[in-house]
Amino acid sequence: MTIAYWCILIAACLPYLWAVIAKRAAPGYNNKDPRGWIARQDNYKVRNAYSAHLNAFEAFPAFAAAVLMAQFTQVDPQRVAWLAMAFVAFRILHGVFYVTVQQALRSLCWLGGFVCVIALMVSAALRVGG
């Protein structure tokens, strides 16, 4: 399960990566009014990096819960590790595609991450029910 736990840590850090990219993508970042500064940006890279930041926060709780559910119900550790690594890869690509304005690929990566979470949760549920 060590790999899956590292994946939880990486996924927990991803929102901050996208926030740093958003803040550095345009001059004049104002930490006194960060949301106001973001709202005034017309630079797609800034706005999309910030959106990737928010979306990474939204995706994290379900992923962490899914990994912990799978661990608690003793799902095959290799399966958990592969799904966790796939989730992290999808989420990194999701952010990259968000920042580079490739919406179709971004959506596919979002779906891939979502499928990983569902697979982890279903695997845990089947262990409990079986």
C-alpha atoms as a PDB file:
ATOM      1  CA  MET A   1       0.000   0.000   0.000  1.00  0.00           C
ATOM      2  CA  THR A   2       2.986   2.322   0.241  1.00  0.00           C
ATOM      3  CA  ILE A   3       2.675   3.378  -3.405  1.00  0.00           C
ATOM      4  CA  ALA A   4      -1.010   4.205  -2.973  1.00  0.00           C
ATOM      5  CA  TYR A   5      -0.232   6.305   0.105  1.00  0.00           C
ATOM      6  CA  TRP A   6       2.428   8.212  -1.835  1.00  0.00           C
ATOM      7  CA  CYS A   7      -0.189   8.787  -4.516  1.00  0.00           C
ATOM      8  CA  ILE A   8      -2.501  10.308  -1.901  1.00  0.00           C
ATOM      9  CA  LEU A   9       0.312  12.682  -0.909  1.00  0.00           C
ATOM     10  CA  ILE A  10       0.990  13.629  -4.528  1.00  0.00           C
ATOM     11  CA  ALA A  11      -2.721  14.183  -5.198  1.00  0.00           C
ATOM     12  CA  ALA A  12      -2.931  16.345  -2.071  1.00  0.00           C
ATOM     13  CA  CYS A  13      -0.102  18.538  -3.405  1.00  0.00           C
ATOM     14  CA  LEU A  14      -1.423  18.932  -6.963  1.00  0.00           C
ATOM     15  CA  PRO A  15      -3.812  21.811  -6.179  1.00  0.00           C
ATOM     16  CA  TYR A  16      -0.876  23.855  -4.923  1.00  0.00           C
ATOM     17  CA  LEU A  17       1.165  23.170  -8.055  1.00  0.00           C
ATOM     18  CA  TRP A  18      -1.608  24.584 -10.233  1.00  0.00           C
ATOM     19  CA  ALA A  19      -2.009  27.570  -7.875  1.00  0.00           C
ATOM     20  CA  VAL A  20       1.695  28.413  -8.190  1.00  0.00           C
ATOM     21  CA  ILE A  21       1.457  28.172 -11.970  1.00  0.00           C
ATOM     22  CA  ALA A  22      -1.583  30.482 -11.959  1.00  0.00           C
ATOM     23  CA  LYS A  23       0.130  33.050  -9.758  1.00  0.00           C
ATOM     24  CA  ARG A  24       3.320  33.082 -11.809  1.00  0.00           C
ATOM     25  CA  ALA A  25       1.626  33.147 -15.209  1.00  0.00           C
ATOM     26  CA  ALA A  26       0.919  36.872 -15.108  1.00  0.00           C
ATOM     27  CA  PRO A  27       2.609  39.836 -13.448  1.00  0.00           C
ATOM     28  CA  GLY A  28       1.140  41.712 -10.538  1.00  0.00           C
ATOM     29  CA  TYR A  29      -0.155  38.891  -8.364  1.00  0.00           C
ATOM     30  CA  ASN A  30      -1.714  40.433  -5.257  1.00  0.00           C
ATOM     31  CA  ASN A  31      -1.771  38.222  -2.179  1.00  0.00           C
ATOM     32  CA  LYS A  32      -3.995  40.751  -0.380  1.00  0.00           C
ATOM     33  CA  ASP A  33      -6.805  39.972  -2.823  1.00  0.00           C
ATOM     34  CA  PRO A  34      -5.985  36.681  -4.570  1.00  0.00           C
ATOM     35  CA  ARG A  35      -9.529  35.900  -5.703  1.00  0.00           C
ATOM     36  CA  GLY A  36     -10.071  39.411  -6.971  1.00  0.00           C
ATOM     37  CA  TRP A  37      -6.781  39.219  -8.859  1.00  0.00           C
ATOM     38  CA  ILE A  38      -7.821  35.911 -10.463  1.00  0.00           C
ATOM     39  CA  ALA A  39     -11.254  37.318 -11.361  1.00  0.00           C
ATOM     40  CA  ARG A  40      -9.627  40.252 -13.201  1.00  0.00           C
ATOM     41  CA  GLN A  41      -7.361  38.055 -15.327  1.00  0.00           C
ATOM     42  CA  ASP A  42      -8.092  37.645 -19.004  1.00  0.00           C
ATOM     43  CA  ASN A  43      -5.062  35.399 -19.527  1.00  0.00           C
ATOM     44  CA  TYR A  44      -6.311  31.850 -20.232  1.00  0.00           C
ATOM     45  CA  LYS A  45      -3.209  30.296 -18.684  1.00  0.00           C
ATOM     46  CA  VAL A  46      -3.854  32.063 -15.367  1.00  0.00           C
ATOM     47  CA  ARG A  47      -7.574  31.355 -15.280  1.00  0.00           C
ATOM     48  CA  ASN A  48      -7.207  27.752 -16.417  1.00  0.00           C
ATOM     49  CA  ALA A  49      -4.383  27.010 -13.981  1.00  0.00           C
ATOM     50  CA  TYR A  50      -6.596  28.401 -11.224  1.00  0.00           C
ATOM     51  CA  SER A  51      -9.492  26.262 -12.454  1.00  0.00           C
ATOM     52  CA  ALA A  52      -7.193  23.210 -12.443  1.00  0.00           C
ATOM     53  CA  HIS A  53      -6.293  24.168  -8.861  1.00  0.00           C
ATOM     54  CA  LEU A  54      -9.954  24.175  -7.821  1.00  0.00           C
ATOM     55  CA  ASN A  55     -10.727  20.971  -9.701  1.00  0.00           C
ATOM     56  CA  ALA A  56      -7.780  19.184  -8.072  1.00  0.00           C
ATOM     57  CA  PHE A  57      -9.210  20.097  -4.658  1.00  0.00           C
ATOM     58  CA  GLU A  58     -12.591  18.743  -5.747  1.00  0.00           C
ATOM     59  CA  ALA A  59     -11.141  15.423  -6.931  1.00  0.00           C
ATOM     60  CA  PHE A  60      -8.917  14.776  -3.932  1.00  0.00           C
ATOM     61  CA  PRO A  61     -11.391  13.751  -1.174  1.00  0.00           C
ATOM     62  CA  ALA A  62     -13.044  10.996  -3.201  1.00  0.00           C
ATOM     63  CA  PHE A  63      -9.655   9.650  -4.287  1.00  0.00           C
ATOM     64  CA  ALA A  64      -8.246   9.594  -0.759  1.00  0.00           C
ATOM     65  CA  ALA A  65     -11.409   7.947   0.543  1.00  0.00           C
ATOM     66  CA  ALA A  66     -11.320   5.367  -2.260  1.00  0.00           C
ATOM     67  CA  VAL A  67      -7.713   4.386  -1.530  1.00  0.00           C
ATOM     68  CA  LEU A  68      -8.427   4.124   2.195  1.00  0.00           C
ATOM     69  CA  MET A  69     -11.600   2.113   1.553  1.00  0.00           C
ATOM     70  CA  ALA A  70      -9.646  -0.284  -0.640  1.00  0.00           C
ATOM     71  CA  GLN A  71      -6.891  -0.586   1.947  1.00  0.00           C
ATOM     72  CA  PHE A  72      -9.349  -1.143   4.786  1.00  0.00           C
ATOM     73  CA  THR A  73     -11.166  -3.909   2.920  1.00  0.00           C
ATOM     74  CA  GLN A  74      -7.866  -5.502   1.843  1.00  0.00           C
ATOM     75  CA  VAL A  75      -8.270  -5.127  -1.911  1.00  0.00           C
ATOM     76  CA  ASP A  76      -5.254  -6.552  -3.747  1.00  0.00           C
ATOM     77  CA  PRO A  77      -2.465  -4.033  -3.011  1.00  0.00           C
ATOM     78  CA  GLN A  78      -1.159  -4.232  -6.569  1.00  0.00           C
ATOM     79  CA  ARG A  79      -4.581  -3.322  -7.957  1.00  0.00           C
ATOM     80  CA  VAL A  80      -4.839  -0.411  -5.544  1.00  0.00           C
ATOM     81  CA  ALA A  81      -1.344   0.801  -6.451  1.00  0.00           C
ATOM     82  CA  TRP A  82      -2.009   0.659 -10.205  1.00  0.00           C
ATOM     83  CA  LEU A  83      -5.327   2.481  -9.892  1.00  0.00           C
ATOM     84  CA  ALA A  84      -3.783   5.095  -7.591  1.00  0.00           C
ATOM     85  CA  MET A  85      -0.871   5.691  -9.973  1.00  0.00           C
ATOM     86  CA  ALA A  86      -3.256   5.915 -12.914  1.00  0.00           C
ATOM     87  CA  PHE A  87      -5.366   8.451 -11.009  1.00  0.00           C
ATOM     88  CA  VAL A  88      -2.311  10.620 -10.322  1.00  0.00           C
ATOM     89  CA  ALA A  89      -1.188  10.395 -13.951  1.00  0.00           C
ATOM     90  CA  PHE A  90      -4.663  11.328 -15.189  1.00  0.00           C
ATOM     91  CA  ARG A  91      -4.852  14.251 -12.752  1.00  0.00           C
ATOM     92  CA  ILE A  92      -1.442  15.596 -13.752  1.00  0.00           C
ATOM     93  CA  LEU A  93      -2.411  15.390 -17.418  1.00  0.00           C
ATOM     94  CA  HIS A  94      -5.787  16.949 -16.582  1.00  0.00           C
ATOM     95  CA  GLY A  95      -3.993  20.010 -15.207  1.00  0.00           C
ATOM     96  CA  VAL A  96      -1.557  20.183 -18.110  1.00  0.00           C
ATOM     97  CA  PHE A  97      -4.403  20.005 -20.609  1.00  0.00           C
ATOM     98  CA  TYR A  98      -6.368  22.586 -18.609  1.00  0.00           C
ATOM     99  CA  VAL A  99      -3.477  25.067 -18.710  1.00  0.00           C
ATOM    100  CA  THR A 100      -2.790  24.419 -22.399  1.00  0.00           C
ATOM    101  CA  VAL A 101      -6.496  24.757 -23.307  1.00  0.00           C
ATOM    102  CA  GLN A 102      -7.002  21.278 -24.723  1.00  0.00           C
ATOM    103  CA  GLN A 103     -10.521  20.713 -23.471  1.00  0.00           C
ATOM    104  CA  ALA A 104     -11.216  17.338 -25.109  1.00  0.00           C
ATOM    105  CA  LEU A 105      -8.060  15.766 -23.679  1.00  0.00           C
ATOM    106  CA  ARG A 106      -8.716  17.473 -20.349  1.00  0.00           C
ATOM    107  CA  SER A 107     -12.183  15.942 -20.198  1.00  0.00           C
ATOM    108  CA  LEU A 108     -10.854  12.487 -21.089  1.00  0.00           C
ATOM    109  CA  CYS A 109      -8.287  12.726 -18.292  1.00  0.00           C
ATOM    110  CA  TRP A 110     -10.961  13.868 -15.855  1.00  0.00           C
ATOM    111  CA  LEU A 111     -13.016  10.828 -16.837  1.00  0.00           C
ATOM    112  CA  GLY A 112     -10.005   8.532 -16.474  1.00  0.00           C
ATOM    113  CA  GLY A 113      -9.378   9.775 -12.935  1.00  0.00           C
ATOM    114  CA  PHE A 114     -13.044   9.398 -12.075  1.00  0.00           C
ATOM    115  CA  VAL A 115     -13.051   5.818 -13.372  1.00  0.00           C
ATOM    116  CA  CYS A 116     -10.035   5.025 -11.164  1.00  0.00           C
ATOM    117  CA  VAL A 117     -11.878   6.329  -8.093  1.00  0.00           C
ATOM    118  CA  ILE A 118     -15.016   4.361  -8.965  1.00  0.00           C
ATOM    119  CA  ALA A 119     -12.942   1.204  -9.582  1.00  0.00           C
ATOM    120  CA  LEU A 120     -11.295   1.559  -6.169  1.00  0.00           C
ATOM    121  CA  MET A 121     -14.631   2.084  -4.429  1.00  0.00           C
ATOM    122  CA  VAL A 122     -16.337  -0.776  -6.262  1.00  0.00           C
ATOM    123  CA  SER A 123     -13.406  -3.054  -5.472  1.00  0.00           C
ATOM    124  CA  ALA A 124     -13.783  -2.197  -1.801  1.00  0.00           C
ATOM    125  CA  ALA A 125     -17.558  -2.676  -1.884  1.00  0.00           C
ATOM    126  CA  LEU A 126     -17.203  -6.061  -3.534  1.00  0.00           C
ATOM    127  CA  ARG A 127     -14.730  -7.143  -0.847  1.00  0.00           C
ATOM    128  CA  VAL A 128     -17.221  -6.216   1.865  1.00  0.00           C
ATOM    129  CA  GLY A 129     -20.150  -7.844   0.088  1.00  0.00           C
ATOM    130  CA  GLY A 130     -18.261 -10.950  -0.975  1.00  0.00           C
END
